[in-house]
Every structure is written in structure tokens, then in C-alpha cells.
Amino acid sequence: MKYRIKIVLLFTLISYFASAQRNGFSIEPFLGFGTSACIQNSNNKAGERLGCGLVYMFSDHMGVSAGLQFQHYAAQVISLSDSMYFRENPATSSYTEYNHVTANYNFTYAEIPISIRYISSQDQKIGVFAEVGIVLGYMLISRESGIVSVNDVDTSLGGNDNNSSIAFGNINPKTSPFNVQGHLSLGAVNPINSKCSLVTEVSFNKGFTNVGNSSNDFVNTPLANPFYYYNKGNNFNIPSVSDYGTGFSVLISVRLIIKLDSDDTAMKNN
């Protein structure tokens, strides 16, 4: 009796997977836009993603995916107490310098997303789309640019100001070459025809590893050389090096699912 039950269950599973129309391989070009922050304690800036994936569906509902994508992360630091540096002129003890920094960070990664996928509907029907997984990233480009506003007050001359702005660019921040993130996507799948479906989704990526640190984040000012402007500490009188922390992104993405012919389908067509 037990053997009969096992055989029935086995044939039930085989017939279930055989009847699934979404099962098999597909390729998926995708494009996403949204907001991102490549470092902590910063203002979010635009983020973009472009890539292509390869998916294998075990059934109409479950599958796994992997691919290659390029993701741009950005952030802006408008630093107040972190970047004000008070220093008297060692020769005359008459100058105090105030620095206000606006810094823009732009990081571009080549990434490999690996995910488990769930689709609620049968093939050729509108359904809920969900993915969860990890993203392995390699840093391709890291750049910083911005402006330092300097206000030198000469107290010996009745508080006369010497205002200036120093633009800086093409600074290569001290970043980690590799990055690991968690990935979650939620959306809807809409069939176009028997071979193609369109997915609209909102994706959330959150880093697990530190992006880098501010050891290269400095510019030269008249009285402070060098001057570190990214500092998560509270002691802003002493420039220090701080970790960037983990980045994140929230993107609205569109992907096109293109089913590839399986061997059985190819044989039927022949």
C-alpha cells in the first residue's frame, strides 16, 4: 500500500511539472531607475540599473535566476559640523577658518544577482512577481567631486572676512573592490504573447559590507592641509577617517521575460 501511494505521488509530481507551461529557460533584459545612497549619513541621489538575466523555472510558480547587471549608486554629503574646522593661524593667532563642504559620490558596480523567484499565476495570466536573493558586486568606477566654501575671519582687523570657494573633482575615494547586498523585488507579471511577458517591479537592495572609508576624502584649504570632510564622529575640530558604511537602492524596474524553446518544444516544431 505504501509503495502504491509513493508511486501515485511520484506520477502526480511528474505530471504537474510536465503540464507547466512556464517551466524552462528564459532570458530577461531589464532596466531600472530610482534612488540610491552609496554611503551612510548622506542625501539620496539617482540610481540606475541595466542588465540581463538567465532564469530557469521549475514550474509555473517557482524558479531561480542569475545574471549580469551594471548599477550606478550616488549620494551627496552636505556637511555642517562634520566639516567645520576651527584653526588659529600659528603665526599671528588671528585667523579662524570655517569650512562648509558639499561632496558628491558616484560609484558604479558590475554585479551578479542570484535570486529565487515566485510567480503567483499560471502561464499567460497576470500575477504577482517576487524575488529574493543576494547581489555580488565589483567596483568599476568610484569618483568624488564638490565644493568647499571657506570663510577666513581675520580677528586682528576687526573681523574682516576672506571668503572663497574651492572646487574639487576626480578624487578617487578609498573603496572596497567587492560588495555584497541583499535583494528583494515585488511586482506584477503581464503576458504579452505566448513567448514574452512584461514585469514591472519595485526592487530593494541593502548592502551587507562596508563600501569604503574616507582616508582619501580631503582637499587643500588655506589653513587646513589636508582637510577631511567626511566624518561621522561628533568631534569636528579634529579631522578623522570614517567608514562609509553600507549602501542601498530603491528602484522601479521593467524586465522583459523571453522564453527559450525547450528540447521538447523544438522536437514538436520539427
Protein backbone atom coordinates (compact mmCIF):
# COMPACT_ATOMS: atom_id res chain seq x y z
CA MET A 1 0.00 0.00 0.00
CA LYS A 2 2.81 2.39 0.91
CA TYR A 3 4.57 1.72 -2.39
CA ARG A 4 1.39 2.47 -4.32
CA ILE A 5 0.98 5.78 -2.51
CA LYS A 6 4.59 6.70 -3.32
CA ILE A 7 4.13 5.78 -6.99
CA VAL A 8 0.94 7.84 -7.20
CA LEU A 9 2.69 10.84 -5.60
CA LEU A 10 5.64 10.45 -7.96
CA PHE A 11 3.44 10.41 -11.06
CA THR A 12 1.45 13.33 -9.70
CA LEU A 13 4.65 15.39 -9.38
CA ILE A 14 5.84 14.36 -12.83
CA SER A 15 2.53 15.26 -14.43
CA TYR A 16 2.48 18.59 -12.56
CA PHE A 17 5.89 19.69 -13.84
CA ALA A 18 5.22 18.29 -17.31
CA SER A 19 1.99 20.27 -17.60
CA ALA A 20 3.58 23.54 -16.51
CA GLN A 21 3.95 25.88 -19.46
CA ARG A 22 6.24 28.42 -17.85
CA ASN A 23 8.88 25.86 -16.90
CA GLY A 24 12.22 26.03 -18.71
CA PHE A 25 14.75 28.71 -19.52
CA SER A 26 14.19 32.36 -20.34
CA ILE A 27 16.34 35.44 -20.81
CA GLU A 28 15.43 38.80 -19.29
CA PRO A 29 16.82 42.19 -20.27
CA PHE A 30 15.91 44.77 -17.63
CA LEU A 31 16.26 48.46 -16.83
CA GLY A 32 15.65 50.35 -13.58
CA PHE A 33 15.64 53.89 -12.21
CA GLY A 34 15.17 55.22 -8.70
CA THR A 35 17.02 56.48 -5.67
CA SER A 36 20.24 55.30 -4.05
CA ALA A 37 22.80 56.16 -1.41
CA CYS A 38 26.29 54.73 -1.74
CA ILE A 39 27.30 55.84 1.78
CA GLN A 40 25.53 56.38 5.08
CA ASN A 41 24.63 59.80 6.52
CA SER A 42 24.09 61.26 3.06
CA ASN A 43 21.33 62.62 0.84
CA ASN A 44 19.91 60.14 -1.66
CA LYS A 45 20.64 60.67 -5.33
CA ALA A 46 19.53 59.00 -8.56
CA GLY A 47 20.39 55.35 -9.14
CA GLU A 48 20.22 53.33 -12.35
CA ARG A 49 20.48 49.65 -13.26
CA LEU A 50 20.92 47.92 -16.63
CA GLY A 51 21.46 44.24 -17.26
CA CYS A 52 20.27 40.86 -18.49
CA GLY A 53 19.38 37.69 -16.61
CA LEU A 54 19.00 33.97 -17.26
CA VAL A 55 16.10 32.24 -15.50
CA TYR A 56 15.11 28.62 -15.06
CA MET A 57 11.52 27.97 -13.92
CA PHE A 58 10.90 24.58 -12.31
CA SER A 59 7.16 25.11 -12.68
CA ASP A 60 4.68 27.86 -13.42
CA HIS A 61 5.39 29.33 -10.00
CA MET A 62 8.97 28.69 -8.81
CA GLY A 63 12.36 29.29 -10.37
CA VAL A 64 15.91 30.59 -9.95
CA SER A 65 17.69 33.41 -11.74
CA ALA A 66 21.18 34.82 -12.22
CA GLY A 67 22.62 37.47 -14.50
CA LEU A 68 24.93 40.40 -15.05
CA GLN A 69 23.99 43.99 -14.34
CA PHE A 70 25.62 47.39 -14.03
CA GLN A 71 24.40 49.59 -11.20
CA HIS A 72 25.15 53.24 -10.51
CA TYR A 73 24.93 54.46 -6.90
CA ALA A 74 25.18 58.10 -5.91
CA ALA A 75 25.00 60.24 -2.78
CA GLN A 76 25.57 63.83 -1.67
CA VAL A 77 27.06 64.92 1.63
CA ILE A 78 26.24 68.47 2.70
CA SER A 79 28.37 68.59 5.78
CA LEU A 80 27.94 71.08 8.61
CA SER A 81 29.61 70.28 11.90
CA ASP A 82 31.49 67.40 10.32
CA SER A 83 33.35 69.79 8.02
CA MET A 84 33.75 72.99 10.06
CA TYR A 85 37.37 73.19 11.04
CA PHE A 86 38.45 75.87 13.51
CA ARG A 87 42.12 76.73 13.49
CA GLU A 88 44.05 79.78 14.53
CA ASN A 89 46.92 80.96 12.40
CA PRO A 90 50.03 79.66 14.21
CA ALA A 91 51.98 82.83 13.33
CA THR A 92 49.53 85.55 14.38
CA SER A 93 46.80 83.65 16.25
CA SER A 94 44.35 85.91 14.49
CA TYR A 95 42.59 83.69 11.92
CA THR A 96 39.74 81.29 12.34
CA GLU A 97 38.69 79.15 9.39
CA TYR A 98 35.18 77.81 8.77
CA ASN A 99 34.71 75.18 6.08
CA HIS A 100 31.41 74.05 4.63
CA VAL A 101 31.60 71.11 2.21
CA THR A 102 29.23 69.77 -0.44
CA ALA A 103 30.56 66.46 -1.76
CA ASN A 104 29.09 64.22 -4.48
CA TYR A 105 29.86 60.50 -4.59
CA ASN A 106 29.33 58.30 -7.68
CA PHE A 107 30.03 54.56 -7.63
CA THR A 108 29.43 52.09 -10.48
CA TYR A 109 29.45 48.33 -9.90
CA ALA A 110 29.36 45.27 -12.12
CA GLU A 111 27.01 42.94 -10.25
CA ILE A 112 25.85 39.32 -10.34
CA PRO A 113 22.35 38.91 -8.88
CA ILE A 114 21.35 35.41 -7.71
CA SER A 115 17.70 35.01 -6.74
CA ILE A 116 14.82 32.66 -6.03
CA ARG A 117 11.65 33.62 -7.91
CA TYR A 118 7.95 33.17 -7.28
CA ILE A 119 5.07 33.97 -9.69
CA SER A 120 1.54 33.51 -8.37
CA SER A 121 -0.28 32.90 -11.64
CA GLN A 122 -0.30 30.24 -14.30
CA ASP A 123 1.46 30.96 -17.59
CA GLN A 124 -0.22 33.57 -19.81
CA LYS A 125 -2.05 35.12 -16.84
CA ILE A 126 -1.46 38.29 -14.82
CA GLY A 127 0.12 37.52 -11.46
CA VAL A 128 2.26 38.65 -8.56
CA PHE A 129 6.03 38.60 -9.10
CA ALA A 130 8.51 38.25 -6.21
CA GLU A 131 12.25 37.64 -5.93
CA VAL A 132 14.66 37.35 -3.01
CA GLY A 133 18.41 36.77 -3.15
CA ILE A 134 21.86 38.28 -2.96
CA VAL A 135 23.89 40.55 -5.25
CA LEU A 136 27.66 40.18 -5.62
CA GLY A 137 29.30 43.41 -6.80
CA TYR A 138 32.68 44.51 -8.10
CA MET A 139 33.59 48.20 -8.12
CA LEU A 140 34.30 49.56 -11.61
CA ILE A 141 34.25 53.35 -11.10
CA SER A 142 34.43 55.48 -7.95
CA ARG A 143 34.54 59.28 -8.15
CA GLU A 144 34.03 62.27 -5.87
CA SER A 145 33.60 65.94 -6.62
CA GLY A 146 32.22 69.01 -4.91
CA ILE A 147 32.86 72.44 -3.43
CA VAL A 148 34.44 73.64 -0.20
CA SER A 149 33.28 77.09 0.93
CA VAL A 150 35.98 78.71 3.05
CA ASN A 151 35.49 81.70 5.35
CA ASP A 152 38.69 83.05 6.92
CA VAL A 153 37.95 85.62 9.63
CA ASP A 154 40.82 87.98 10.48
CA THR A 155 40.06 88.95 14.06
CA SER A 156 43.05 91.28 14.25
CA LEU A 157 41.44 93.51 11.58
CA GLY A 158 38.04 93.78 13.23
CA GLY A 159 36.62 90.55 11.85
CA ASN A 160 37.14 91.12 8.11
CA ASP A 161 36.16 88.09 6.05
CA ASN A 162 38.10 86.42 3.28
CA ASN A 163 35.53 84.23 1.53
CA SER A 164 36.47 81.75 -1.14
CA SER A 165 35.21 78.55 -2.74
CA ILE A 166 37.40 75.64 -3.73
CA ALA A 167 36.06 73.17 -6.28
CA PHE A 168 37.45 69.66 -6.24
CA GLY A 169 36.91 66.74 -8.57
CA ASN A 170 38.21 63.39 -9.76
CA ILE A 171 39.08 62.31 -6.25
CA ASN A 172 39.40 58.53 -6.06
CA PRO A 173 37.84 57.51 -2.75
CA LYS A 174 39.18 54.63 -0.72
CA THR A 175 36.61 51.97 -1.60
CA SER A 176 36.37 48.22 -1.19
CA PRO A 177 36.60 46.34 -4.51
CA PHE A 178 33.84 43.86 -3.61
CA ASN A 179 30.35 44.36 -2.24
CA VAL A 180 27.56 42.02 -1.08
CA GLN A 181 23.92 43.08 -0.89
CA GLY A 182 20.56 41.58 -0.08
CA HIS A 183 17.89 41.84 -2.79
CA LEU A 184 14.08 41.89 -2.70
CA SER A 185 11.71 42.61 -5.60
CA LEU A 186 7.92 42.82 -5.66
CA GLY A 187 5.80 43.49 -8.73
CA ALA A 188 3.41 42.16 -11.34
CA VAL A 189 3.86 39.99 -14.43
CA ASN A 190 1.75 40.75 -17.52
CA PRO A 191 1.71 38.39 -20.53
CA ILE A 192 2.32 39.92 -23.96
CA ASN A 193 2.13 36.77 -26.08
CA SER A 194 2.96 33.07 -25.76
CA LYS A 195 6.69 33.75 -25.51
CA CYS A 196 7.01 37.17 -23.85
CA SER A 197 5.84 38.73 -20.59
CA LEU A 198 6.48 42.14 -19.09
CA VAL A 199 7.33 42.58 -15.40
CA THR A 200 7.07 45.87 -13.54
CA GLU A 201 8.60 45.79 -10.08
CA VAL A 202 9.98 47.73 -7.17
CA SER A 203 13.35 46.40 -6.01
CA PHE A 204 15.15 46.97 -2.72
CA ASN A 205 18.90 46.39 -2.33
CA LYS A 206 20.69 46.75 1.02
CA GLY A 207 24.41 46.25 1.48
CA PHE A 208 25.96 43.86 4.00
CA THR A 209 29.58 45.03 3.61
CA ASN A 210 31.32 48.35 4.19
CA VAL A 211 31.74 50.31 0.94
CA GLY A 212 34.99 52.02 1.98
CA ASN A 213 36.33 54.82 4.15
CA SER A 214 37.21 58.49 3.95
CA SER A 215 41.01 58.21 4.06
CA ASN A 216 41.23 59.87 0.61
CA ASP A 217 38.47 62.42 1.27
CA PHE A 218 40.42 65.63 1.60
CA VAL A 219 41.06 68.91 -0.16
CA ASN A 220 43.58 71.64 0.49
CA THR A 221 42.35 74.84 2.15
CA PRO A 222 44.42 77.88 3.18
CA LEU A 223 44.84 76.89 6.83
CA ALA A 224 43.95 73.21 6.96
CA ASN A 225 46.05 70.87 4.85
CA PRO A 226 44.77 68.28 4.27
CA PHE A 227 41.14 68.65 5.35
CA TYR A 228 38.95 65.58 5.80
CA TYR A 229 35.33 66.34 5.12
CA TYR A 230 33.54 63.02 5.66
CA ASN A 231 33.41 62.30 9.37
CA LYS A 232 30.56 60.55 11.14
CA GLY A 233 32.01 61.45 14.54
CA ASN A 234 30.95 64.43 16.65
CA ASN A 235 34.43 65.85 17.28
CA PHE A 236 34.54 68.04 14.21
CA ASN A 237 37.56 70.03 15.44
CA ILE A 238 39.76 67.04 14.65
CA PRO A 239 39.55 65.68 11.09
CA SER A 240 39.27 61.90 11.19
CA VAL A 241 38.68 58.91 8.94
CA SER A 242 35.23 57.29 8.95
CA ASP A 243 33.76 54.22 7.26
CA TYR A 244 31.21 54.87 4.54
CA GLY A 245 29.02 52.07 5.85
CA THR A 246 26.64 50.12 3.61
CA GLY A 247 24.76 51.46 0.62
CA PHE A 248 21.24 50.84 -0.60
CA SER A 249 18.95 51.46 -3.56
CA VAL A 250 15.22 51.53 -4.25
CA LEU A 251 14.45 51.23 -7.97
CA ILE A 252 11.43 50.87 -10.20
CA SER A 253 12.40 48.34 -12.86
CA VAL A 254 10.97 46.88 -16.05
CA ARG A 255 12.04 43.48 -17.35
CA LEU A 256 11.05 41.53 -20.44
CA ILE A 257 10.76 37.76 -19.99
CA ILE A 258 11.56 35.96 -23.25
CA LYS A 259 11.00 32.20 -23.08
CA LEU A 260 13.53 29.97 -24.84
CA ASP A 261 12.38 26.87 -26.69
CA SER A 262 12.98 23.69 -24.71
CA ASP A 263 14.19 20.50 -26.35
CA ASP A 264 10.64 19.09 -26.27
CA THR A 265 9.22 22.19 -27.93
CA ALA A 266 11.93 22.15 -30.56
CA MET A 267 11.18 18.48 -31.34
CA LYS A 268 7.46 19.24 -31.67
CA ASN A 269 8.16 22.10 -34.02
CA ASN A 270 10.32 19.88 -36.19
